[in-house]
Amino acid sequence: SQATLEIARASNLVVQPTGASLDDLRPAVREFHALVTAG
């Protein structure tokens, strides 16, 4: 959500927990890719 980006911009460190299945890993990586794309 937009809230995730707002949180990331204000944080010194952003930690994303994930499980080991590809069902967890693939969307988790996409989430961080989106944050990087947003700056």
PDB file of all heavy atoms in Angstrom:
ATOM      1  N   SER A   1       0.833  -1.191   0.000  1.00  0.00           N
ATOM      2  CA  SER A   1       0.000   0.000   0.000  1.00  0.00           C
ATOM      3  C   SER A   1       0.871   1.245   0.000  1.00  0.00           C
ATOM      4  O   SER A   1       2.090   1.175   0.188  1.00  0.00           O
ATOM      5  CB  SER A   1      -0.904   0.017   1.242  1.00  0.00           C
ATOM      6  OG  SER A   1      -0.119   0.151   2.408  1.00  0.00           O
ATOM      7  N   GLN A   2       0.244   2.371  -0.180  1.00  0.00           N
ATOM      8  CA  GLN A   2       0.946   3.639  -0.084  1.00  0.00           C
ATOM      9  C   GLN A   2       1.527   3.820   1.308  1.00  0.00           C
ATOM     10  O   GLN A   2       2.576   4.437   1.480  1.00  0.00           O
ATOM     11  CB  GLN A   2      -0.005   4.795  -0.416  1.00  0.00           C
ATOM     12  CG  GLN A   2       0.658   6.174  -0.425  1.00  0.00           C
ATOM     13  CD  GLN A   2       1.733   6.311  -1.498  1.00  0.00           C
ATOM     14  OE1 GLN A   2       1.649   5.680  -2.545  1.00  0.00           O
ATOM     15  NE2 GLN A   2       2.739   7.124  -1.229  1.00  0.00           N
ATOM     16  N   ALA A   3       0.857   3.251   2.308  1.00  0.00           N
ATOM     17  CA  ALA A   3       1.365   3.361   3.679  1.00  0.00           C
ATOM     18  C   ALA A   3       2.726   2.710   3.817  1.00  0.00           C
ATOM     19  O   ALA A   3       3.591   3.185   4.570  1.00  0.00           O
ATOM     20  CB  ALA A   3       0.378   2.737   4.658  1.00  0.00           C
ATOM     21  N   THR A   4       2.961   1.604   3.098  1.00  0.00           N
ATOM     22  CA  THR A   4       4.257   0.933   3.166  1.00  0.00           C
ATOM     23  C   THR A   4       5.366   1.856   2.669  1.00  0.00           C
ATOM     24  O   THR A   4       6.439   1.931   3.269  1.00  0.00           O
ATOM     25  CB  THR A   4       4.229  -0.361   2.344  1.00  0.00           C
ATOM     26  OG1 THR A   4       3.186  -1.203   2.817  1.00  0.00           O
ATOM     27  CG2 THR A   4       5.555  -1.104   2.459  1.00  0.00           C
ATOM     28  N   LEU A   5       5.115   2.566   1.602  1.00  0.00           N
ATOM     29  CA  LEU A   5       6.105   3.507   1.078  1.00  0.00           C
ATOM     30  C   LEU A   5       6.325   4.652   2.055  1.00  0.00           C
ATOM     31  O   LEU A   5       7.469   5.059   2.295  1.00  0.00           O
ATOM     32  CB  LEU A   5       5.653   4.046  -0.280  1.00  0.00           C
ATOM     33  CG  LEU A   5       6.577   5.074  -0.938  1.00  0.00           C
ATOM     34  CD1 LEU A   5       7.977   4.522  -1.111  1.00  0.00           C
ATOM     35  CD2 LEU A   5       5.981   5.514  -2.286  1.00  0.00           C
ATOM     36  N   GLU A   6       5.260   5.160   2.645  1.00  0.00           N
ATOM     37  CA  GLU A   6       5.389   6.231   3.635  1.00  0.00           C
ATOM     38  C   GLU A   6       6.230   5.759   4.820  1.00  0.00           C
ATOM     39  O   GLU A   6       7.099   6.475   5.308  1.00  0.00           O
ATOM     40  CB  GLU A   6       4.006   6.676   4.114  1.00  0.00           C
ATOM     41  CG  GLU A   6       4.035   7.824   5.115  1.00  0.00           C
ATOM     42  CD  GLU A   6       2.656   8.190   5.630  1.00  0.00           C
ATOM     43  OE1 GLU A   6       1.666   7.562   5.218  1.00  0.00           O
ATOM     44  OE2 GLU A   6       2.580   9.119   6.462  1.00  0.00           O
ATOM     45  N   ILE A   7       5.972   4.550   5.267  1.00  0.00           N
ATOM     46  CA  ILE A   7       6.740   3.966   6.367  1.00  0.00           C
ATOM     47  C   ILE A   7       8.216   3.854   5.989  1.00  0.00           C
ATOM     48  O   ILE A   7       9.107   4.224   6.757  1.00  0.00           O
ATOM     49  CB  ILE A   7       6.175   2.582   6.732  1.00  0.00           C
ATOM     50  CG1 ILE A   7       4.813   2.731   7.414  1.00  0.00           C
ATOM     51  CG2 ILE A   7       7.131   1.811   7.636  1.00  0.00           C
ATOM     52  CD1 ILE A   7       4.043   1.424   7.523  1.00  0.00           C
ATOM     53  N   ALA A   8       8.481   3.340   4.801  1.00  0.00           N
ATOM     54  CA  ALA A   8       9.860   3.134   4.366  1.00  0.00           C
ATOM     55  C   ALA A   8      10.625   4.451   4.267  1.00  0.00           C
ATOM     56  O   ALA A   8      11.803   4.528   4.643  1.00  0.00           O
ATOM     57  CB  ALA A   8       9.869   2.422   3.016  1.00  0.00           C
ATOM     58  N   ARG A   9       9.967   5.477   3.794  1.00  0.00           N
ATOM     59  CA  ARG A   9      10.639   6.773   3.657  1.00  0.00           C
ATOM     60  C   ARG A   9      11.040   7.365   5.005  1.00  0.00           C
ATOM     61  O   ARG A   9      12.019   8.105   5.095  1.00  0.00           O
ATOM     62  CB  ARG A   9       9.714   7.743   2.915  1.00  0.00           C
ATOM     63  CG  ARG A   9       9.645   7.495   1.414  1.00  0.00           C
ATOM     64  CD  ARG A   9       8.661   8.403   0.727  1.00  0.00           C
ATOM     65  NE  ARG A   9       8.754   8.293  -0.730  1.00  0.00           N
ATOM     66  CZ  ARG A   9       7.779   8.570  -1.568  1.00  0.00           C
ATOM     67  NH1 ARG A   9       6.601   8.997  -1.096  1.00  0.00           N
ATOM     68  NH2 ARG A   9       7.942   8.432  -2.874  1.00  0.00           N
ATOM     69  N   ALA A  10      10.293   7.038   6.048  1.00  0.00           N
ATOM     70  CA  ALA A  10      10.547   7.623   7.363  1.00  0.00           C
ATOM     71  C   ALA A  10      11.419   6.737   8.251  1.00  0.00           C
ATOM     72  O   ALA A  10      11.760   7.142   9.360  1.00  0.00           O
ATOM     73  CB  ALA A  10       9.223   7.886   8.070  1.00  0.00           C
ATOM     74  N   SER A  11      11.793   5.557   7.769  1.00  0.00           N
ATOM     75  CA  SER A  11      12.486   4.588   8.617  1.00  0.00           C
ATOM     76  C   SER A  11      13.981   4.548   8.337  1.00  0.00           C
ATOM     77  O   SER A  11      14.426   4.703   7.201  1.00  0.00           O
ATOM     78  CB  SER A  11      11.893   3.192   8.403  1.00  0.00           C
ATOM     79  OG  SER A  11      10.526   3.173   8.745  1.00  0.00           O
ATOM     80  N   ASN A  12      14.736   4.298   9.398  1.00  0.00           N
ATOM     81  CA  ASN A  12      16.173   4.069   9.246  1.00  0.00           C
ATOM     82  C   ASN A  12      16.451   2.695   8.654  1.00  0.00           C
ATOM     83  O   ASN A  12      17.434   2.496   7.946  1.00  0.00           O
ATOM     84  CB  ASN A  12      16.875   4.185  10.597  1.00  0.00           C
ATOM     85  CG  ASN A  12      16.663   5.532  11.248  1.00  0.00           C
ATOM     86  OD1 ASN A  12      15.843   5.662  12.148  1.00  0.00           O
ATOM     87  ND2 ASN A  12      17.368   6.554  10.779  1.00  0.00           N
ATOM     88  N   LEU A  13      15.569   1.742   8.977  1.00  0.00           N
ATOM     89  CA  LEU A  13      15.728   0.379   8.494  1.00  0.00           C
ATOM     90  C   LEU A  13      14.346  -0.226   8.273  1.00  0.00           C
ATOM     91  O   LEU A  13      13.448  -0.049   9.099  1.00  0.00           O
ATOM     92  CB  LEU A  13      16.501  -0.458   9.516  1.00  0.00           C
ATOM     93  CG  LEU A  13      16.790  -1.913   9.149  1.00  0.00           C
ATOM     94  CD1 LEU A  13      17.763  -1.977   7.970  1.00  0.00           C
ATOM     95  CD2 LEU A  13      17.370  -2.658  10.348  1.00  0.00           C
ATOM     96  N   VAL A  14      14.186  -0.924   7.157  1.00  0.00           N
ATOM     97  CA  VAL A  14      12.937  -1.609   6.847  1.00  0.00           C
ATOM     98  C   VAL A  14      13.234  -3.100   6.746  1.00  0.00           C
ATOM     99  O   VAL A  14      14.050  -3.522   5.918  1.00  0.00           O
ATOM    100  CB  VAL A  14      12.322  -1.111   5.525  1.00  0.00           C
ATOM    101  CG1 VAL A  14      11.021  -1.863   5.225  1.00  0.00           C
ATOM    102  CG2 VAL A  14      12.078   0.389   5.590  1.00  0.00           C
ATOM    103  N   VAL A  15      12.575  -3.880   7.578  1.00  0.00           N
ATOM    104  CA  VAL A  15      12.777  -5.331   7.600  1.00  0.00           C
ATOM    105  C   VAL A  15      11.516  -6.007   7.085  1.00  0.00           C
ATOM    106  O   VAL A  15      10.418  -5.732   7.563  1.00  0.00           O
ATOM    107  CB  VAL A  15      13.092  -5.830   9.023  1.00  0.00           C
ATOM    108  CG1 VAL A  15      13.267  -7.348   9.030  1.00  0.00           C
ATOM    109  CG2 VAL A  15      14.339  -5.140   9.573  1.00  0.00           C
ATOM    110  N   GLN A  16      11.690  -6.895   6.119  1.00  0.00           N
ATOM    111  CA  GLN A  16      10.564  -7.668   5.607  1.00  0.00           C
ATOM    112  C   GLN A  16      10.791  -9.148   5.914  1.00  0.00           C
ATOM    113  O   GLN A  16      11.640  -9.789   5.302  1.00  0.00           O
ATOM    114  CB  GLN A  16      10.386  -7.474   4.096  1.00  0.00           C
ATOM    115  CG  GLN A  16       9.142  -8.188   3.580  1.00  0.00           C
ATOM    116  CD  GLN A  16       8.882  -7.992   2.096  1.00  0.00           C
ATOM    117  OE1 GLN A  16       7.850  -8.422   1.594  1.00  0.00           O
ATOM    118  NE2 GLN A  16       9.789  -7.358   1.384  1.00  0.00           N
ATOM    119  N   PRO A  17      10.063  -9.701   6.869  1.00  0.00           N
ATOM    120  CA  PRO A  17      10.155 -11.136   7.123  1.00  0.00           C
ATOM    121  C   PRO A  17       9.520 -11.916   5.973  1.00  0.00           C
ATOM    122  O   PRO A  17       8.567 -11.456   5.349  1.00  0.00           O
ATOM    123  CB  PRO A  17       9.355 -11.335   8.415  1.00  0.00           C
ATOM    124  CG  PRO A  17       9.194  -9.961   8.996  1.00  0.00           C
ATOM    125  CD  PRO A  17       9.162  -9.044   7.819  1.00  0.00           C
ATOM    126  N   THR A  18      10.065 -13.089   5.715  1.00  0.00           N
ATOM    127  CA  THR A  18       9.498 -13.944   4.684  1.00  0.00           C
ATOM    128  C   THR A  18       9.739 -15.401   5.015  1.00  0.00           C
ATOM    129  O   THR A  18      10.727 -15.744   5.665  1.00  0.00           O
ATOM    130  CB  THR A  18      10.085 -13.626   3.293  1.00  0.00           C
ATOM    131  OG1 THR A  18       9.489 -14.489   2.319  1.00  0.00           O
ATOM    132  CG2 THR A  18      11.592 -13.818   3.265  1.00  0.00           C
ATOM    133  N   GLY A  19       8.825 -16.228   4.569  1.00  0.00           N
ATOM    134  CA  GLY A  19       9.029 -17.657   4.656  1.00  0.00           C
ATOM    135  C   GLY A  19       9.896 -18.136   3.508  1.00  0.00           C
ATOM    136  O   GLY A  19      10.391 -17.349   2.698  1.00  0.00           O
ATOM    137  N   ALA A  20      10.055 -19.467   3.400  1.00  0.00           N
ATOM    138  CA  ALA A  20      10.993 -20.030   2.432  1.00  0.00           C
ATOM    139  C   ALA A  20      10.346 -20.475   1.128  1.00  0.00           C
ATOM    140  O   ALA A  20      11.050 -20.788   0.165  1.00  0.00           O
ATOM    141  CB  ALA A  20      11.727 -21.211   3.059  1.00  0.00           C
ATOM    142  N   SER A  21       9.029 -20.528   1.075  1.00  0.00           N
ATOM    143  CA  SER A  21       8.380 -20.983  -0.157  1.00  0.00           C
ATOM    144  C   SER A  21       8.422 -19.887  -1.212  1.00  0.00           C
ATOM    145  O   SER A  21       8.483 -18.691  -0.890  1.00  0.00           O
ATOM    146  CB  SER A  21       6.934 -21.377   0.121  1.00  0.00           C
ATOM    147  OG  SER A  21       6.139 -20.226   0.318  1.00  0.00           O
ATOM    148  N   LEU A  22       8.366 -20.287  -2.469  1.00  0.00           N
ATOM    149  CA  LEU A  22       8.333 -19.298  -3.539  1.00  0.00           C
ATOM    150  C   LEU A  22       7.072 -18.449  -3.469  1.00  0.00           C
ATOM    151  O   LEU A  22       7.065 -17.298  -3.903  1.00  0.00           O
ATOM    152  CB  LEU A  22       8.429 -19.992  -4.902  1.00  0.00           C
ATOM    153  CG  LEU A  22       9.817 -20.544  -5.255  1.00  0.00           C
ATOM    154  CD1 LEU A  22       9.765 -21.270  -6.585  1.00  0.00           C
ATOM    155  CD2 LEU A  22      10.871 -19.440  -5.283  1.00  0.00           C
ATOM    156  N   ASP A  23       6.009 -18.997  -2.903  1.00  0.00           N
ATOM    157  CA  ASP A  23       4.784 -18.220  -2.706  1.00  0.00           C
ATOM    158  C   ASP A  23       5.025 -17.045  -1.770  1.00  0.00           C
ATOM    159  O   ASP A  23       4.329 -16.021  -1.847  1.00  0.00           O
ATOM    160  CB  ASP A  23       3.677 -19.101  -2.132  1.00  0.00           C
ATOM    161  CG  ASP A  23       3.106 -20.063  -3.153  1.00  0.00           C
ATOM    162  OD1 ASP A  23       3.314 -19.844  -4.368  1.00  0.00           O
ATOM    163  OD2 ASP A  23       2.451 -21.042  -2.741  1.00  0.00           O
ATOM    164  N   ASP A  24       5.980 -17.184  -0.863  1.00  0.00           N
ATOM    165  CA  ASP A  24       6.367 -16.081   0.016  1.00  0.00           C
ATOM    166  C   ASP A  24       7.458 -15.220  -0.613  1.00  0.00           C
ATOM    167  O   ASP A  24       7.402 -13.989  -0.581  1.00  0.00           O
ATOM    168  CB  ASP A  24       6.882 -16.616   1.357  1.00  0.00           C
ATOM    169  CG  ASP A  24       5.789 -17.223   2.210  1.00  0.00           C
ATOM    170  OD1 ASP A  24       4.621 -16.805   2.069  1.00  0.00           O
ATOM    171  OD2 ASP A  24       6.101 -18.101   3.023  1.00  0.00           O
ATOM    172  N   LEU A  25       8.466 -15.866  -1.180  1.00  0.00           N
ATOM    173  CA  LEU A  25       9.656 -15.157  -1.650  1.00  0.00           C
ATOM    174  C   LEU A  25       9.384 -14.248  -2.848  1.00  0.00           C
ATOM    175  O   LEU A  25       9.868 -13.111  -2.895  1.00  0.00           O
ATOM    176  CB  LEU A  25      10.751 -16.162  -2.008  1.00  0.00           C
ATOM    177  CG  LEU A  25      11.337 -16.954  -0.835  1.00  0.00           C
ATOM    178  CD1 LEU A  25      12.193 -18.106  -1.352  1.00  0.00           C
ATOM    179  CD2 LEU A  25      12.161 -16.048   0.076  1.00  0.00           C
ATOM    180  N   ARG A  26       8.634 -14.741  -3.805  1.00  0.00           N
ATOM    181  CA  ARG A  26       8.407 -13.934  -5.019  1.00  0.00           C
ATOM    182  C   ARG A  26       7.693 -12.617  -4.736  1.00  0.00           C
ATOM    183  O   ARG A  26       8.167 -11.552  -5.162  1.00  0.00           O
ATOM    184  CB  ARG A  26       7.638 -14.765  -6.046  1.00  0.00           C
ATOM    185  CG  ARG A  26       8.484 -15.812  -6.745  1.00  0.00           C
ATOM    186  CD  ARG A  26       7.638 -16.745  -7.574  1.00  0.00           C
ATOM    187  NE  ARG A  26       8.458 -17.691  -8.327  1.00  0.00           N
ATOM    188  CZ  ARG A  26       8.023 -18.880  -8.748  1.00  0.00           C
ATOM    189  NH1 ARG A  26       6.775 -19.248  -8.492  1.00  0.00           N
ATOM    190  NH2 ARG A  26       8.820 -19.680  -9.432  1.00  0.00           N
ATOM    191  N   PRO A  27       6.557 -12.627  -4.032  1.00  0.00           N
ATOM    192  CA  PRO A  27       5.913 -11.335  -3.750  1.00  0.00           C
ATOM    193  C   PRO A  27       6.723 -10.469  -2.794  1.00  0.00           C
ATOM    194  O   PRO A  27       6.651  -9.243  -2.862  1.00  0.00           O
ATOM    195  CB  PRO A  27       4.560 -11.734  -3.143  1.00  0.00           C
ATOM    196  CG  PRO A  27       4.712 -13.140  -2.705  1.00  0.00           C
ATOM    197  CD  PRO A  27       5.712 -13.763  -3.605  1.00  0.00           C
ATOM    198  N   ALA A  28       7.517 -11.100  -1.914  1.00  0.00           N
ATOM    199  CA  ALA A  28       8.354 -10.313  -1.003  1.00  0.00           C
ATOM    200  C   ALA A  28       9.408  -9.530  -1.786  1.00  0.00           C
ATOM    201  O   ALA A  28       9.656  -8.343  -1.523  1.00  0.00           O
ATOM    202  CB  ALA A  28       9.019 -11.239   0.018  1.00  0.00           C
ATOM    203  N   VAL A  29      10.025 -10.179  -2.750  1.00  0.00           N
ATOM    204  CA  VAL A  29      11.012  -9.491  -3.589  1.00  0.00           C
ATOM    205  C   VAL A  29      10.344  -8.385  -4.400  1.00  0.00           C
ATOM    206  O   VAL A  29      10.881  -7.276  -4.526  1.00  0.00           O
ATOM    207  CB  VAL A  29      11.734 -10.497  -4.503  1.00  0.00           C
ATOM    208  CG1 VAL A  29      12.525  -9.774  -5.594  1.00  0.00           C
ATOM    209  CG2 VAL A  29      12.668 -11.379  -3.682  1.00  0.00           C
ATOM    210  N   ARG A  30       9.163  -8.672  -4.927  1.00  0.00           N
ATOM    211  CA  ARG A  30       8.447  -7.629  -5.676  1.00  0.00           C
ATOM    212  C   ARG A  30       8.151  -6.420  -4.802  1.00  0.00           C
ATOM    213  O   ARG A  30       8.199  -5.276  -5.271  1.00  0.00           O
ATOM    214  CB  ARG A  30       7.155  -8.201  -6.263  1.00  0.00           C
ATOM    215  CG  ARG A  30       7.373  -9.109  -7.468  1.00  0.00           C
ATOM    216  CD  ARG A  30       6.079  -9.344  -8.243  1.00  0.00           C
ATOM    217  NE  ARG A  30       5.130 -10.139  -7.486  1.00  0.00           N
ATOM    218  CZ  ARG A  30       5.020 -11.461  -7.585  1.00  0.00           C
ATOM    219  NH1 ARG A  30       5.829 -12.146  -8.386  1.00  0.00           N
ATOM    220  NH2 ARG A  30       4.107 -12.120  -6.883  1.00  0.00           N
ATOM    221  N   GLU A  31       7.842  -6.669  -3.533  1.00  0.00           N
ATOM    222  CA  GLU A  31       7.567  -5.566  -2.600  1.00  0.00           C
ATOM    223  C   GLU A  31       8.783  -4.657  -2.457  1.00  0.00           C
ATOM    224  O   GLU A  31       8.673  -3.431  -2.537  1.00  0.00           O
ATOM    225  CB  GLU A  31       7.162  -6.127  -1.238  1.00  0.00           C
ATOM    226  CG  GLU A  31       7.004  -5.093  -0.138  1.00  0.00           C
ATOM    227  CD  GLU A  31       5.675  -4.373  -0.179  1.00  0.00           C
ATOM    228  OE1 GLU A  31       4.933  -4.516  -1.172  1.00  0.00           O
ATOM    229  OE2 GLU A  31       5.380  -3.649   0.778  1.00  0.00           O
ATOM    230  N   PHE A  32       9.959  -5.246  -2.272  1.00  0.00           N
ATOM    231  CA  PHE A  32      11.172  -4.433  -2.138  1.00  0.00           C
ATOM    232  C   PHE A  32      11.541  -3.786  -3.476  1.00  0.00           C
ATOM    233  O   PHE A  32      12.016  -2.644  -3.503  1.00  0.00           O
ATOM    234  CB  PHE A  32      12.319  -5.280  -1.601  1.00  0.00           C
ATOM    235  CG  PHE A  32      12.428  -5.276  -0.099  1.00  0.00           C
ATOM    236  CD1 PHE A  32      11.532  -4.571   0.692  1.00  0.00           C
ATOM    237  CD2 PHE A  32      13.453  -5.974   0.537  1.00  0.00           C
ATOM    238  CE1 PHE A  32      11.641  -4.560   2.078  1.00  0.00           C
ATOM    239  CE2 PHE A  32      13.571  -5.970   1.928  1.00  0.00           C
ATOM    240  CZ  PHE A  32      12.666  -5.267   2.694  1.00  0.00           C
ATOM    241  N   HIS A  33      11.339  -4.484  -4.571  1.00  0.00           N
ATOM    242  CA  HIS A  33      11.588  -3.869  -5.881  1.00  0.00           C
ATOM    243  C   HIS A  33      10.744  -2.608  -6.044  1.00  0.00           C
ATOM    244  O   HIS A  33      11.225  -1.584  -6.556  1.00  0.00           O
ATOM    245  CB  HIS A  33      11.241  -4.845  -7.006  1.00  0.00           C
ATOM    246  CG  HIS A  33      12.281  -5.895  -7.268  1.00  0.00           C
ATOM    247  ND1 HIS A  33      13.560  -5.853  -6.760  1.00  0.00           N
ATOM    248  CD2 HIS A  33      12.210  -7.040  -8.019  1.00  0.00           C
ATOM    249  CE1 HIS A  33      14.236  -6.907  -7.173  1.00  0.00           C
ATOM    250  NE2 HIS A  33      13.443  -7.640  -7.929  1.00  0.00           N
ATOM    251  N   ALA A  34       9.497  -2.671  -5.593  1.00  0.00           N
ATOM    252  CA  ALA A  34       8.610  -1.510  -5.709  1.00  0.00           C
ATOM    253  C   ALA A  34       9.118  -0.344  -4.864  1.00  0.00           C
ATOM    254  O   ALA A  34       9.051   0.815  -5.289  1.00  0.00           O
ATOM    255  CB  ALA A  34       7.191  -1.887  -5.288  1.00  0.00           C
ATOM    256  N   LEU A  35       9.629  -0.650  -3.678  1.00  0.00           N
ATOM    257  CA  LEU A  35      10.167   0.410  -2.827  1.00  0.00           C
ATOM    258  C   LEU A  35      11.409   1.038  -3.453  1.00  0.00           C
ATOM    259  O   LEU A  35      11.577   2.265  -3.426  1.00  0.00           O
ATOM    260  CB  LEU A  35      10.500  -0.145  -1.441  1.00  0.00           C
ATOM    261  CG  LEU A  35       9.309  -0.566  -0.578  1.00  0.00           C
ATOM    262  CD1 LEU A  35       9.799  -1.117   0.764  1.00  0.00           C
ATOM    263  CD2 LEU A  35       8.349   0.593  -0.335  1.00  0.00           C
ATOM    264  N   VAL A  36      12.275   0.209  -4.013  1.00  0.00           N
ATOM    265  CA  VAL A  36      13.478   0.736  -4.664  1.00  0.00           C
ATOM    266  C   VAL A  36      13.097   1.608  -5.858  1.00  0.00           C
ATOM    267  O   VAL A  36      13.658   2.692  -6.062  1.00  0.00           O
ATOM    268  CB  VAL A  36      14.402  -0.432  -5.091  1.00  0.00           C
ATOM    269  CG1 VAL A  36      15.547   0.088  -5.964  1.00  0.00           C
ATOM    270  CG2 VAL A  36      14.960  -1.145  -3.866  1.00  0.00           C
ATOM    271  N   THR A  37      12.144   1.163  -6.632  1.00  0.00           N
ATOM    272  CA  THR A  37      11.672   1.951  -7.777  1.00  0.00           C
ATOM    273  C   THR A  37      11.130   3.307  -7.327  1.00  0.00           C
ATOM    274  O   THR A  37      11.273   4.308  -8.030  1.00  0.00           O
ATOM    275  CB  THR A  37      10.572   1.182  -8.539  1.00  0.00           C
ATOM    276  OG1 THR A  37      11.122  -0.039  -9.028  1.00  0.00           O
ATOM    277  CG2 THR A  37      10.034   1.994  -9.699  1.00  0.00           C
ATOM    278  N   ALA A  38      10.546   3.329  -6.118  1.00  0.00           N
ATOM    279  CA  ALA A  38       9.984   4.574  -5.578  1.00  0.00           C
ATOM    280  C   ALA A  38      11.042   5.443  -4.899  1.00  0.00           C
ATOM    281  O   ALA A  38      10.714   6.510  -4.378  1.00  0.00           O
ATOM    282  CB  ALA A  38       8.873   4.243  -4.583  1.00  0.00           C
ATOM    283  N   GLY A  39      12.305   4.987  -4.889  1.00  0.00           N
ATOM    284  CA  GLY A  39      13.375   5.825  -4.376  1.00  0.00           C
ATOM    285  C   GLY A  39      13.976   5.418  -3.044  1.00  0.00           C
ATOM    286  O   GLY A  39      14.845   6.123  -2.516  1.00  0.00           O
TER     287      GLY A  39
END
